[in-house]
Structures are given as C-alpha cells and as structure tokens.
Protein backbone atom coordinates (compact mmCIF):
# COMPACT_ATOMS: atom_id res chain seq x y z
CA UNK A 1 0.00 0.00 0.00
CA UNK A 2 1.24 3.46 -0.75
CA UNK A 3 0.15 6.72 0.74
CA UNK A 4 -0.04 5.55 4.35
CA UNK A 5 1.72 7.84 6.79
CA UNK A 6 4.82 6.34 8.37
CA UNK A 7 3.44 6.10 11.90
CA UNK A 8 5.71 3.13 12.54
CA UNK A 9 7.72 0.71 10.41
CA UNK A 10 5.65 -1.61 8.22
CA UNK A 11 2.37 0.17 8.92
CA UNK A 12 1.19 -1.04 5.50
CA UNK A 13 1.59 -4.68 6.57
CA UNK A 14 -0.55 -4.04 9.66
CA UNK A 15 -3.19 -2.45 7.43
CA UNK A 16 -3.12 -5.49 5.11
CA UNK A 17 -3.46 -7.82 8.10
CA UNK A 18 -6.42 -5.95 9.55
CA UNK A 19 -8.27 -5.48 6.29
CA UNK A 20 -7.94 -9.11 5.26
CA UNK A 21 -9.02 -10.24 8.73
CA UNK A 22 -12.14 -8.12 8.21
CA UNK A 23 -12.64 -9.52 4.71
CA UNK A 24 -12.39 -13.09 6.01
CA UNK A 25 -14.83 -12.36 8.83
CA UNK A 26 -17.36 -10.87 6.44
CA UNK A 27 -16.97 -13.76 4.02
CA UNK A 28 -17.50 -16.26 6.85
CA UNK A 29 -20.59 -14.36 7.99
CA UNK A 30 -22.01 -14.39 4.46
CA UNK A 31 -21.14 -18.03 3.80
CA UNK A 32 -22.84 -19.14 7.02
CA UNK A 33 -26.01 -17.43 5.85
CA UNK A 34 -25.72 -18.62 2.26
CA UNK A 35 -24.95 -22.24 3.12
CA UNK A 36 -26.78 -22.96 6.36
CA UNK A 37 -25.87 -26.16 8.11
CA UNK A 38 -22.25 -26.30 6.92
CA UNK A 39 -19.73 -27.01 9.64
CA UNK A 40 -17.50 -24.20 10.85
CA UNK A 41 -14.29 -25.80 9.56
CA UNK A 42 -15.67 -25.75 6.00
CA UNK A 43 -16.88 -22.16 6.35
CA UNK A 44 -13.56 -20.91 7.72
CA UNK A 45 -11.52 -22.87 5.18
CA UNK A 46 -13.51 -21.42 2.31
CA UNK A 47 -13.31 -17.91 3.79
CA UNK A 48 -9.54 -18.06 4.26
CA UNK A 49 -9.04 -19.59 0.81
CA UNK A 50 -11.12 -16.94 -0.94
CA UNK A 51 -9.43 -14.12 0.98
CA UNK A 52 -5.95 -15.42 0.24
CA UNK A 53 -6.82 -15.94 -3.43
CA UNK A 54 -8.12 -12.38 -3.63
CA UNK A 55 -4.87 -11.19 -2.05
CA UNK A 56 -2.87 -12.97 -4.74
CA UNK A 57 -5.01 -11.50 -7.49
CA UNK A 58 -4.66 -8.02 -5.98
CA UNK A 59 -0.86 -8.28 -5.84
CA UNK A 60 -0.74 -9.59 -9.44
CA UNK A 61 -2.94 -6.72 -10.55
CA UNK A 62 -0.66 -4.20 -8.84
CA UNK A 63 2.29 -5.49 -10.84
CA UNK A 64 0.67 -3.97 -13.94
CA UNK A 65 -0.33 -0.61 -12.43
CA UNK A 66 2.26 2.13 -12.86
CA UNK A 67 1.77 3.87 -9.49
CA UNK A 68 1.65 0.63 -7.48
CA UNK A 69 4.09 -2.13 -6.68
CA UNK A 70 3.51 -5.81 -6.12
CA UNK A 71 5.00 -7.25 -2.94
CA UNK A 72 4.87 -10.87 -1.81
CA UNK A 73 5.16 -9.68 1.80
CA UNK A 74 1.88 -7.80 1.35
CA UNK A 75 0.28 -11.10 0.39
CA UNK A 76 1.87 -12.77 3.43
CA UNK A 77 0.27 -10.08 5.61
CA UNK A 78 -3.05 -10.66 3.79
CA UNK A 79 -2.90 -14.40 4.45
CA UNK A 80 -1.85 -13.84 8.07
CA UNK A 81 -4.85 -11.58 8.59
CA UNK A 82 -7.13 -14.20 7.07
CA UNK A 83 -5.73 -16.88 9.35
CA UNK A 84 -6.02 -14.59 12.38
CA UNK A 85 -9.71 -14.06 11.63
CA UNK A 86 -10.22 -17.82 11.25
CA UNK A 87 -8.61 -18.46 14.64
CA UNK A 88 -10.76 -15.78 16.28
CA UNK A 89 -13.92 -17.15 14.66
CA UNK A 90 -13.04 -20.72 15.65
CA UNK A 91 -12.69 -19.46 19.21
CA UNK A 92 -15.89 -17.36 19.00
CA UNK A 93 -18.19 -19.00 16.41
CA UNK A 94 -21.15 -17.04 17.76
CA UNK A 95 -19.73 -14.00 15.94
CA UNK A 96 -20.74 -15.53 12.59
CA UNK A 97 -23.39 -18.11 13.40
CA UNK A 98 -26.94 -16.94 14.00
CA UNK A 99 -28.06 -17.58 17.55
CA UNK A 100 -30.05 -20.71 18.09
CA UNK A 101 -28.24 -22.73 15.40
CA UNK A 102 -25.81 -25.55 16.07
C-alpha cells in the first residue's frame, strides 16, 4: 500500500493484516447465511481460501499498475490476517453463526 503515513515501520503490513481479517470475517458471515448447516471448519476454510486468493489476485494486478508495486510480503500479511480471523472465529463462532443454530 502506498500513501499511508509512516506512523511506525511496516504500517502497511498491519493495514493489510487488519483489512484481510475483516474480509475473512465478512466472508464467513455471508457463507454461514448462504450455506446454512455447513460445519465451521468448511466455512472458515472457504473464507480463508477466498481471501488469500483475492490477495494474490490483488498483488498480481498491482504489478501492472504504474503507481503501485507488487509485494509478496503484502500477500503474506493478507494471508496472516485471514488466518487470524479464522482463529478468532473458531474461538468465538457465535460471531458468525446466527443464535439458536448448532
């Protein structure tokens, strides 16, 4: 990411981590509602996979944009954020599952 103020070293990686954690959480929330009855492992695996795949596509896209640069470490931060969200949602499945459902 460019244009972020240098509050601390690698602030862009922290932004990638947080945004992809949010993306994964929202995907999990939507998948639970779109495919009711699926187990949490399947939901989280699909959410992490889709988020990580989107991260790869975003970094590939940036390689062809003049004002941007592609960085594999950005994708690592994306994937780490996705995994962090999956761990949090495994620990607190009530954040994505509607109440009253198994």
